[in-house]
Amino acid sequence: MNKIINKITKAAKKTQFISFEYENSRGEKARYTIQVGCNYLNLVKRSVLELEAEKNSLTEESKEAAESLIYSFNKTIEGEKINTKIRPSPYEPLLDQEGKQVKGVKIHKENRSLYVDGLLRSKVVIKTGNVEKNKGKKTKDFMRESLPVGNYRQFRLNNVSIAKLNGETLILK
């Protein structure tokens, strides 16, 4: 794990995309490419703007889903303005050798797991897992996936086997 931390912190200033193989809790293994350093709050704000622009042309069920998402997103935006002492973050930032925060990478305070988050750019399934497609999904879930915020993902690096940073392949097993 220290190898990947060192590589990420060295590449922090120039890395915009990270590619890795990841196995999720349902046994699906896929190769992901994500763009790190994206601002989640900006994605939430853009999602609200899109929903507001399209809300009047939606069916009644979709309009209710849109209003629910807008409410939820506005709570997220407002939550950013509230003092973090009310609900402190469970994460701490990963710092590079100069003490600057590495965008898109954080460490869980309790279990010390390393997390990478960013905007999903591609996913290629290598091995299918126990996936029950669309079972129980609601209109709201489908709508959220179509918004800018719907492509934001977080990965726990403990579940990553191979990563690529700036063309260099790292085997993490």
N, C-alpha and C. Protein backbone atom coordinates (compact mmCIF):
# COMPACT_ATOMS: atom_id res chain seq x y z
N MET A 1 0.83 -1.19 0.00
CA MET A 1 0.00 0.00 0.00
C MET A 1 0.87 1.26 0.00
N ASN A 2 2.02 1.23 0.69
CA ASN A 2 2.89 2.40 0.71
C ASN A 2 3.39 2.75 -0.68
N LYS A 3 3.57 1.74 -1.54
CA LYS A 3 4.03 1.98 -2.90
C LYS A 3 3.04 2.85 -3.67
N ILE A 4 1.76 2.52 -3.57
CA ILE A 4 0.75 3.30 -4.28
C ILE A 4 0.63 4.70 -3.69
N ILE A 5 0.73 4.85 -2.37
CA ILE A 5 0.67 6.17 -1.74
C ILE A 5 1.82 7.03 -2.25
N ASN A 6 3.03 6.48 -2.29
CA ASN A 6 4.19 7.23 -2.78
C ASN A 6 4.01 7.64 -4.23
N LYS A 7 3.52 6.74 -5.07
CA LYS A 7 3.33 7.05 -6.49
C LYS A 7 2.25 8.12 -6.67
N ILE A 8 1.17 8.02 -5.93
CA ILE A 8 0.09 9.00 -6.06
C ILE A 8 0.57 10.38 -5.61
N THR A 9 1.26 10.45 -4.49
CA THR A 9 1.71 11.76 -4.01
C THR A 9 2.74 12.38 -4.94
N LYS A 10 3.60 11.58 -5.56
CA LYS A 10 4.59 12.11 -6.50
C LYS A 10 3.92 12.62 -7.77
N ALA A 11 2.87 11.95 -8.17
CA ALA A 11 2.18 12.31 -9.41
C ALA A 11 1.04 13.29 -9.19
N ALA A 12 0.83 13.73 -7.98
CA ALA A 12 -0.35 14.53 -7.62
C ALA A 12 -0.51 15.78 -8.47
N LYS A 13 0.59 16.42 -8.81
CA LYS A 13 0.48 17.68 -9.53
C LYS A 13 0.10 17.48 -10.99
N LYS A 14 0.42 16.32 -11.55
CA LYS A 14 0.16 16.12 -12.97
C LYS A 14 -0.89 15.06 -13.27
N THR A 15 -1.21 14.21 -12.34
CA THR A 15 -2.17 13.15 -12.59
C THR A 15 -3.58 13.71 -12.67
N GLN A 16 -4.25 13.41 -13.74
CA GLN A 16 -5.65 13.77 -13.87
C GLN A 16 -6.51 12.54 -14.00
N PHE A 17 -5.93 11.46 -14.50
CA PHE A 17 -6.68 10.22 -14.68
C PHE A 17 -5.95 9.08 -14.00
N ILE A 18 -6.72 8.21 -13.36
CA ILE A 18 -6.18 7.00 -12.77
C ILE A 18 -6.99 5.84 -13.33
N SER A 19 -6.30 4.79 -13.74
CA SER A 19 -6.95 3.60 -14.25
C SER A 19 -6.57 2.44 -13.35
N PHE A 20 -7.56 1.61 -13.00
CA PHE A 20 -7.27 0.48 -12.13
C PHE A 20 -8.31 -0.61 -12.29
N GLU A 21 -7.92 -1.81 -11.87
CA GLU A 21 -8.86 -2.93 -11.80
C GLU A 21 -9.37 -2.99 -10.37
N TYR A 22 -10.68 -3.15 -10.25
CA TYR A 22 -11.34 -3.09 -8.95
C TYR A 22 -12.39 -4.19 -8.87
N GLU A 23 -12.43 -4.90 -7.76
CA GLU A 23 -13.47 -5.91 -7.55
C GLU A 23 -14.40 -5.42 -6.46
N ASN A 24 -15.70 -5.33 -6.80
CA ASN A 24 -16.66 -4.81 -5.83
C ASN A 24 -17.16 -5.91 -4.90
N SER A 25 -18.04 -5.55 -3.99
CA SER A 25 -18.53 -6.48 -2.98
C SER A 25 -19.40 -7.60 -3.56
N ARG A 26 -19.88 -7.42 -4.79
CA ARG A 26 -20.70 -8.45 -5.43
C ARG A 26 -19.88 -9.36 -6.33
N GLY A 27 -18.55 -9.20 -6.31
CA GLY A 27 -17.67 -10.07 -7.08
C GLY A 27 -17.43 -9.62 -8.52
N GLU A 28 -17.96 -8.49 -8.92
CA GLU A 28 -17.70 -7.99 -10.27
C GLU A 28 -16.32 -7.35 -10.31
N LYS A 29 -15.53 -7.74 -11.31
CA LYS A 29 -14.21 -7.13 -11.49
C LYS A 29 -14.24 -6.34 -12.78
N ALA A 30 -13.77 -5.09 -12.71
CA ALA A 30 -13.80 -4.21 -13.88
C ALA A 30 -12.58 -3.30 -13.89
N ARG A 31 -12.25 -2.81 -15.08
CA ARG A 31 -11.19 -1.81 -15.23
C ARG A 31 -11.87 -0.45 -15.32
N TYR A 32 -11.53 0.41 -14.38
CA TYR A 32 -12.11 1.76 -14.31
C TYR A 32 -11.06 2.80 -14.67
N THR A 33 -11.52 3.85 -15.30
CA THR A 33 -10.70 5.05 -15.47
C THR A 33 -11.50 6.19 -14.87
N ILE A 34 -10.89 6.89 -13.90
CA ILE A 34 -11.57 8.03 -13.28
C ILE A 34 -10.70 9.28 -13.39
N GLN A 35 -11.37 10.39 -13.44
CA GLN A 35 -10.71 11.68 -13.43
C GLN A 35 -10.71 12.18 -11.99
N VAL A 36 -9.53 12.33 -11.41
CA VAL A 36 -9.43 12.76 -10.02
C VAL A 36 -9.37 14.29 -9.95
N GLY A 37 -9.65 14.80 -8.78
CA GLY A 37 -9.57 16.24 -8.57
C GLY A 37 -10.85 16.98 -8.93
N CYS A 38 -11.92 16.26 -9.22
CA CYS A 38 -13.21 16.90 -9.53
C CYS A 38 -13.83 17.42 -8.24
N ASN A 39 -14.52 18.50 -8.35
CA ASN A 39 -15.17 19.09 -7.19
C ASN A 39 -16.60 18.55 -7.10
N TYR A 40 -16.86 17.71 -6.10
CA TYR A 40 -18.17 17.09 -5.95
C TYR A 40 -19.27 18.13 -5.79
N LEU A 41 -19.02 19.16 -5.04
CA LEU A 41 -20.03 20.19 -4.81
C LEU A 41 -20.43 20.88 -6.12
N ASN A 42 -19.46 21.10 -7.01
CA ASN A 42 -19.79 21.69 -8.31
C ASN A 42 -20.67 20.75 -9.13
N LEU A 43 -20.41 19.45 -9.04
CA LEU A 43 -21.26 18.48 -9.74
C LEU A 43 -22.69 18.50 -9.19
N VAL A 44 -22.81 18.64 -7.88
CA VAL A 44 -24.13 18.72 -7.25
C VAL A 44 -24.86 19.97 -7.74
N LYS A 45 -24.17 21.09 -7.77
CA LYS A 45 -24.78 22.35 -8.22
C LYS A 45 -25.21 22.27 -9.68
N ARG A 46 -24.36 21.67 -10.54
CA ARG A 46 -24.72 21.50 -11.95
C ARG A 46 -25.93 20.58 -12.10
N SER A 47 -26.01 19.56 -11.24
CA SER A 47 -27.15 18.64 -11.28
C SER A 47 -28.44 19.36 -10.93
N VAL A 48 -28.40 20.24 -9.93
CA VAL A 48 -29.58 21.03 -9.56
C VAL A 48 -30.02 21.90 -10.73
N LEU A 49 -29.07 22.55 -11.38
CA LEU A 49 -29.40 23.41 -12.52
C LEU A 49 -30.07 22.62 -13.65
N GLU A 50 -29.54 21.43 -13.93
CA GLU A 50 -30.13 20.59 -14.98
C GLU A 50 -31.55 20.17 -14.62
N LEU A 51 -31.74 19.76 -13.38
CA LEU A 51 -33.08 19.34 -12.95
C LEU A 51 -34.07 20.50 -12.99
N GLU A 52 -33.65 21.67 -12.54
CA GLU A 52 -34.52 22.85 -12.55
C GLU A 52 -34.93 23.19 -13.99
N ALA A 53 -33.98 23.06 -14.93
CA ALA A 53 -34.27 23.40 -16.33
C ALA A 53 -35.24 22.41 -16.97
N GLU A 54 -35.19 21.15 -16.57
CA GLU A 54 -36.02 20.12 -17.20
C GLU A 54 -37.28 19.77 -16.42
N LYS A 55 -37.41 20.26 -15.20
CA LYS A 55 -38.50 19.84 -14.31
C LYS A 55 -39.89 20.00 -14.91
N ASN A 56 -40.14 21.10 -15.58
CA ASN A 56 -41.48 21.38 -16.09
C ASN A 56 -41.89 20.48 -17.26
N SER A 57 -40.94 19.85 -17.92
CA SER A 57 -41.27 19.00 -19.07
C SER A 57 -41.37 17.52 -18.68
N LEU A 58 -41.30 17.22 -17.40
CA LEU A 58 -41.32 15.83 -16.94
C LEU A 58 -42.73 15.34 -16.63
N THR A 59 -42.88 14.02 -16.63
CA THR A 59 -44.15 13.42 -16.19
C THR A 59 -44.29 13.65 -14.69
N GLU A 60 -45.48 13.37 -14.16
CA GLU A 60 -45.73 13.62 -12.73
C GLU A 60 -44.77 12.81 -11.84
N GLU A 61 -44.60 11.52 -12.15
CA GLU A 61 -43.71 10.67 -11.35
C GLU A 61 -42.26 11.18 -11.43
N SER A 62 -41.83 11.53 -12.63
CA SER A 62 -40.47 12.04 -12.81
C SER A 62 -40.28 13.40 -12.15
N LYS A 63 -41.34 14.21 -12.18
CA LYS A 63 -41.28 15.53 -11.54
C LYS A 63 -41.09 15.38 -10.03
N GLU A 64 -41.81 14.42 -9.43
CA GLU A 64 -41.65 14.15 -7.99
C GLU A 64 -40.23 13.69 -7.68
N ALA A 65 -39.68 12.83 -8.52
CA ALA A 65 -38.31 12.35 -8.33
C ALA A 65 -37.33 13.51 -8.45
N ALA A 66 -37.54 14.38 -9.44
CA ALA A 66 -36.67 15.54 -9.63
C ALA A 66 -36.72 16.46 -8.42
N GLU A 67 -37.91 16.72 -7.91
CA GLU A 67 -38.05 17.60 -6.74
C GLU A 67 -37.37 16.99 -5.51
N SER A 68 -37.48 15.69 -5.37
CA SER A 68 -36.82 15.01 -4.26
C SER A 68 -35.30 15.12 -4.38
N LEU A 69 -34.78 14.95 -5.59
CA LEU A 69 -33.34 15.08 -5.81
C LEU A 69 -32.88 16.52 -5.56
N ILE A 70 -33.63 17.47 -6.05
CA ILE A 70 -33.27 18.88 -5.83
C ILE A 70 -33.22 19.19 -4.34
N TYR A 71 -34.21 18.71 -3.61
CA TYR A 71 -34.22 18.91 -2.15
C TYR A 71 -32.96 18.30 -1.51
N SER A 72 -32.66 17.08 -1.88
CA SER A 72 -31.50 16.39 -1.34
C SER A 72 -30.20 17.11 -1.70
N PHE A 73 -30.08 17.51 -2.97
CA PHE A 73 -28.87 18.21 -3.41
C PHE A 73 -28.72 19.56 -2.71
N ASN A 74 -29.82 20.26 -2.51
CA ASN A 74 -29.74 21.54 -1.80
C ASN A 74 -29.31 21.34 -0.34
N LYS A 75 -29.74 20.24 0.28
CA LYS A 75 -29.28 19.93 1.64
C LYS A 75 -27.76 19.68 1.63
N THR A 76 -27.28 19.02 0.60
CA THR A 76 -25.83 18.78 0.47
C THR A 76 -25.09 20.11 0.34
N ILE A 77 -25.62 20.98 -0.50
CA ILE A 77 -24.99 22.30 -0.70
C ILE A 77 -25.00 23.09 0.61
N GLU A 78 -26.13 23.09 1.30
CA GLU A 78 -26.22 23.79 2.58
C GLU A 78 -25.30 23.16 3.62
N GLY A 79 -25.17 21.86 3.59
CA GLY A 79 -24.30 21.15 4.54
C GLY A 79 -22.86 21.58 4.43
N GLU A 80 -22.45 22.00 3.24
CA GLU A 80 -21.08 22.47 3.06
C GLU A 80 -20.85 23.80 3.78
N LYS A 81 -21.92 24.53 4.02
CA LYS A 81 -21.81 25.84 4.67
C LYS A 81 -21.86 25.73 6.19
N ILE A 82 -22.27 24.57 6.69
CA ILE A 82 -22.38 24.37 8.13
C ILE A 82 -21.02 23.97 8.69
N ASN A 83 -20.75 24.39 9.90
CA ASN A 83 -19.49 24.06 10.54
C ASN A 83 -19.31 22.55 10.63
N THR A 84 -18.14 22.04 10.24
CA THR A 84 -17.91 20.60 10.23
C THR A 84 -17.83 20.00 11.63
N LYS A 85 -17.84 20.82 12.68
CA LYS A 85 -17.82 20.29 14.04
C LYS A 85 -19.14 19.61 14.38
N ILE A 86 -20.20 19.95 13.64
CA ILE A 86 -21.50 19.31 13.85
C ILE A 86 -21.40 17.83 13.46
N ARG A 87 -20.80 17.55 12.32
CA ARG A 87 -20.59 16.18 11.85
C ARG A 87 -19.24 16.13 11.15
N PRO A 88 -18.19 15.86 11.89
CA PRO A 88 -16.86 15.86 11.28
C PRO A 88 -16.70 14.77 10.24
N SER A 89 -15.86 15.04 9.28
CA SER A 89 -15.60 14.09 8.21
C SER A 89 -14.86 12.87 8.76
N PRO A 90 -15.22 11.67 8.29
CA PRO A 90 -14.48 10.48 8.72
C PRO A 90 -13.15 10.33 8.00
N TYR A 91 -12.85 11.25 7.08
CA TYR A 91 -11.63 11.17 6.28
C TYR A 91 -10.66 12.30 6.62
N GLU A 92 -9.40 12.03 6.33
CA GLU A 92 -8.39 13.09 6.38
C GLU A 92 -7.71 13.11 5.03
N PRO A 93 -7.24 14.26 4.60
CA PRO A 93 -6.63 14.34 3.28
C PRO A 93 -5.27 13.65 3.24
N LEU A 94 -4.91 13.14 2.07
CA LEU A 94 -3.57 12.62 1.85
C LEU A 94 -2.71 13.80 1.42
N LEU A 95 -1.56 13.97 2.05
CA LEU A 95 -0.68 15.09 1.76
C LEU A 95 0.55 14.62 1.00
N ASP A 96 1.02 15.46 0.06
CA ASP A 96 2.24 15.11 -0.66
C ASP A 96 3.46 15.51 0.16
N GLN A 97 4.65 15.36 -0.44
CA GLN A 97 5.89 15.64 0.29
C GLN A 97 6.01 17.10 0.71
N GLU A 98 5.31 17.99 0.01
CA GLU A 98 5.34 19.42 0.33
C GLU A 98 4.24 19.81 1.31
N GLY A 99 3.44 18.84 1.75
CA GLY A 99 2.36 19.12 2.69
C GLY A 99 1.08 19.59 2.04
N LYS A 100 1.00 19.51 0.70
CA LYS A 100 -0.21 19.93 -0.01
C LYS A 100 -1.14 18.74 -0.18
N GLN A 101 -2.44 19.02 -0.15
CA GLN A 101 -3.45 17.98 -0.27
C GLN A 101 -3.45 17.38 -1.67
N VAL A 102 -3.48 16.06 -1.75
CA VAL A 102 -3.58 15.35 -3.02
C VAL A 102 -5.06 15.27 -3.38
N LYS A 103 -5.45 15.87 -4.49
CA LYS A 103 -6.86 15.91 -4.88
C LYS A 103 -7.36 14.51 -5.20
N GLY A 104 -8.56 14.21 -4.72
CA GLY A 104 -9.21 12.95 -5.04
C GLY A 104 -8.74 11.75 -4.24
N VAL A 105 -7.86 11.97 -3.26
CA VAL A 105 -7.35 10.86 -2.46
C VAL A 105 -7.47 11.23 -0.98
N LYS A 106 -7.99 10.28 -0.18
CA LYS A 106 -8.14 10.54 1.25
C LYS A 106 -7.95 9.25 2.03
N ILE A 107 -7.77 9.40 3.33
CA ILE A 107 -7.54 8.27 4.21
C ILE A 107 -8.65 8.26 5.27
N HIS A 108 -9.24 7.09 5.49
CA HIS A 108 -10.27 6.96 6.52
C HIS A 108 -9.59 7.04 7.89
N LYS A 109 -10.11 7.88 8.77
CA LYS A 109 -9.46 8.13 10.06
C LYS A 109 -9.42 6.90 10.95
N GLU A 110 -10.45 6.08 10.93
CA GLU A 110 -10.51 4.93 11.84
C GLU A 110 -9.76 3.71 11.31
N ASN A 111 -10.07 3.29 10.08
CA ASN A 111 -9.45 2.05 9.59
C ASN A 111 -8.22 2.27 8.71
N ARG A 112 -7.86 3.53 8.46
CA ARG A 112 -6.67 3.92 7.71
C ARG A 112 -6.67 3.41 6.27
N SER A 113 -7.85 3.11 5.73
CA SER A 113 -7.96 2.69 4.33
C SER A 113 -7.81 3.91 3.43
N LEU A 114 -7.22 3.66 2.27
CA LEU A 114 -7.00 4.71 1.29
C LEU A 114 -8.16 4.71 0.29
N TYR A 115 -8.73 5.88 0.01
CA TYR A 115 -9.85 6.02 -0.91
C TYR A 115 -9.47 6.98 -2.04
N VAL A 116 -9.91 6.64 -3.25
CA VAL A 116 -9.74 7.51 -4.41
C VAL A 116 -11.14 7.81 -4.91
N ASP A 117 -11.39 9.08 -5.19
CA ASP A 117 -12.69 9.41 -5.75
C ASP A 117 -12.54 10.36 -6.91
N GLY A 118 -13.52 10.33 -7.79
CA GLY A 118 -13.48 11.19 -8.95
C GLY A 118 -14.61 10.85 -9.90
N LEU A 119 -14.51 11.40 -11.09
CA LEU A 119 -15.54 11.28 -12.10
C LEU A 119 -15.25 10.07 -12.98
N LEU A 120 -16.20 9.16 -13.08
CA LEU A 120 -16.05 7.95 -13.88
C LEU A 120 -15.98 8.32 -15.35
N ARG A 121 -14.93 7.87 -16.03
CA ARG A 121 -14.76 8.12 -17.45
C ARG A 121 -14.99 6.86 -18.27
N SER A 122 -14.60 5.70 -17.73
CA SER A 122 -14.88 4.45 -18.43
C SER A 122 -14.88 3.28 -17.46
N LYS A 123 -15.60 2.24 -17.86
CA LYS A 123 -15.66 1.01 -17.08
C LYS A 123 -15.75 -0.14 -18.06
N VAL A 124 -14.82 -1.10 -17.94
CA VAL A 124 -14.83 -2.29 -18.77
C VAL A 124 -14.91 -3.49 -17.82
N VAL A 125 -16.00 -4.23 -17.90
CA VAL A 125 -16.19 -5.38 -17.02
C VAL A 125 -15.29 -6.52 -17.48
N ILE A 126 -14.50 -7.04 -16.54
CA ILE A 126 -13.60 -8.16 -16.81
C ILE A 126 -14.27 -9.47 -16.39
N LYS A 127 -14.93 -9.44 -15.24
CA LYS A 127 -15.61 -10.62 -14.72
C LYS A 127 -16.92 -10.17 -14.09
N THR A 128 -18.02 -10.76 -14.53
CA THR A 128 -19.31 -10.38 -13.95
C THR A 128 -19.46 -11.02 -12.58
N GLY A 129 -20.15 -10.34 -11.72
CA GLY A 129 -20.39 -10.84 -10.37
C GLY A 129 -21.86 -11.12 -10.18
N ASN A 130 -22.29 -11.15 -8.95
CA ASN A 130 -23.70 -11.36 -8.62
C ASN A 130 -24.44 -10.04 -8.74
N VAL A 131 -24.80 -9.69 -9.96
CA VAL A 131 -25.43 -8.40 -10.21
C VAL A 131 -26.90 -8.64 -10.58
N GLU A 132 -27.77 -8.03 -9.83
CA GLU A 132 -29.19 -8.06 -10.15
C GLU A 132 -29.54 -6.72 -10.76
N LYS A 133 -29.45 -6.64 -12.08
CA LYS A 133 -29.63 -5.37 -12.77
C LYS A 133 -31.01 -4.76 -12.54
N ASN A 134 -30.98 -3.51 -12.17
CA ASN A 134 -32.17 -2.66 -12.08
C ASN A 134 -33.26 -3.18 -11.14
N LYS A 135 -32.98 -4.19 -10.35
CA LYS A 135 -34.00 -4.73 -9.45
C LYS A 135 -34.28 -3.70 -8.35
N GLY A 136 -35.50 -3.26 -8.30
CA GLY A 136 -35.90 -2.33 -7.25
C GLY A 136 -35.45 -0.89 -7.47
N LYS A 137 -34.87 -0.60 -8.62
CA LYS A 137 -34.44 0.78 -8.87
C LYS A 137 -35.65 1.66 -9.13
N LYS A 138 -35.58 2.85 -8.61
CA LYS A 138 -36.67 3.80 -8.73
C LYS A 138 -36.34 4.83 -9.80
N THR A 139 -37.36 5.56 -10.20
CA THR A 139 -37.20 6.65 -11.17
C THR A 139 -36.12 7.61 -10.69
N LYS A 140 -36.14 7.90 -9.40
CA LYS A 140 -35.17 8.82 -8.81
C LYS A 140 -33.74 8.33 -9.01
N ASP A 141 -33.50 7.02 -8.84
CA ASP A 141 -32.16 6.47 -9.01
C ASP A 141 -31.69 6.58 -10.46
N PHE A 142 -32.58 6.25 -11.40
CA PHE A 142 -32.23 6.37 -12.81
C PHE A 142 -31.94 7.82 -13.18
N MET A 143 -32.75 8.74 -12.64
CA MET A 143 -32.57 10.15 -12.93
C MET A 143 -31.22 10.64 -12.38
N ARG A 144 -30.89 10.23 -11.16
CA ARG A 144 -29.63 10.65 -10.54
C ARG A 144 -28.44 10.19 -11.37
N GLU A 145 -28.52 8.97 -11.90
CA GLU A 145 -27.41 8.43 -12.70
C GLU A 145 -27.19 9.23 -13.97
N SER A 146 -28.23 9.88 -14.49
CA SER A 146 -28.11 10.64 -15.73
C SER A 146 -27.57 12.05 -15.51
N LEU A 147 -27.43 12.46 -14.27
CA LEU A 147 -26.96 13.81 -13.94
C LEU A 147 -25.44 13.84 -13.79
N PRO A 148 -24.84 15.03 -13.80
CA PRO A 148 -23.38 15.12 -13.61
C PRO A 148 -22.89 14.41 -12.34
N VAL A 149 -23.66 14.49 -11.26
CA VAL A 149 -23.28 13.88 -10.00
C VAL A 149 -23.35 12.34 -10.08
N GLY A 150 -24.08 11.83 -11.04
CA GLY A 150 -24.26 10.39 -11.18
C GLY A 150 -23.02 9.63 -11.59
N ASN A 151 -22.02 10.31 -12.11
CA ASN A 151 -20.78 9.65 -12.52
C ASN A 151 -19.68 9.76 -11.48
N TYR A 152 -19.98 10.34 -10.33
CA TYR A 152 -18.98 10.49 -9.27
C TYR A 152 -18.88 9.17 -8.52
N ARG A 153 -17.67 8.66 -8.37
CA ARG A 153 -17.45 7.37 -7.71
C ARG A 153 -16.36 7.47 -6.66
N GLN A 154 -16.42 6.56 -5.70
CA GLN A 154 -15.38 6.45 -4.68
C GLN A 154 -14.96 4.98 -4.61
N PHE A 155 -13.65 4.75 -4.56
CA PHE A 155 -13.10 3.40 -4.52
C PHE A 155 -12.17 3.26 -3.33
N ARG A 156 -12.30 2.16 -2.64
CA ARG A 156 -11.39 1.83 -1.55
C ARG A 156 -10.24 1.04 -2.16
N LEU A 157 -9.03 1.56 -2.03
CA LEU A 157 -7.90 0.95 -2.72
C LEU A 157 -7.53 -0.43 -2.21
N ASN A 158 -8.06 -0.84 -1.07
CA ASN A 158 -7.80 -2.21 -0.59
C ASN A 158 -8.35 -3.22 -1.57
N ASN A 159 -9.34 -2.82 -2.38
CA ASN A 159 -9.96 -3.72 -3.34
C ASN A 159 -9.38 -3.57 -4.75
N VAL A 160 -8.29 -2.85 -4.89
CA VAL A 160 -7.67 -2.61 -6.18
C VAL A 160 -6.49 -3.57 -6.34
N SER A 161 -6.39 -4.20 -7.51
CA SER A 161 -5.29 -5.12 -7.75
C SER A 161 -4.22 -4.53 -8.66
N ILE A 162 -4.60 -3.75 -9.66
CA ILE A 162 -3.66 -3.14 -10.60
C ILE A 162 -4.08 -1.69 -10.80
N ALA A 163 -3.11 -0.78 -10.78
CA ALA A 163 -3.40 0.64 -11.02
C ALA A 163 -2.42 1.19 -12.03
N LYS A 164 -2.85 2.19 -12.79
CA LYS A 164 -1.97 2.89 -13.72
C LYS A 164 -2.01 4.37 -13.40
N LEU A 165 -0.83 4.93 -13.20
CA LEU A 165 -0.68 6.37 -12.99
C LEU A 165 0.32 6.88 -14.00
N ASN A 166 -0.10 7.81 -14.83
CA ASN A 166 0.79 8.38 -15.84
C ASN A 166 1.49 7.30 -16.67
N GLY A 167 0.76 6.25 -17.01
CA GLY A 167 1.29 5.20 -17.86
C GLY A 167 2.09 4.13 -17.14
N GLU A 168 2.39 4.32 -15.86
CA GLU A 168 3.16 3.33 -15.10
C GLU A 168 2.20 2.38 -14.40
N THR A 169 2.37 1.07 -14.65
CA THR A 169 1.50 0.07 -14.05
C THR A 169 2.05 -0.34 -12.69
N LEU A 170 1.15 -0.39 -11.71
CA LEU A 170 1.52 -0.82 -10.35
C LEU A 170 0.69 -2.05 -10.00
N ILE A 171 1.33 -3.13 -9.62
CA ILE A 171 0.64 -4.32 -9.14
C ILE A 171 0.54 -4.20 -7.63
N LEU A 172 -0.67 -4.26 -7.09
CA LEU A 172 -0.88 -3.95 -5.68
C LEU A 172 -1.15 -5.16 -4.80
N LYS A 173 -1.10 -6.34 -5.35
CA LYS A 173 -1.38 -7.54 -4.52
C LYS A 173 -0.21 -7.92 -3.68
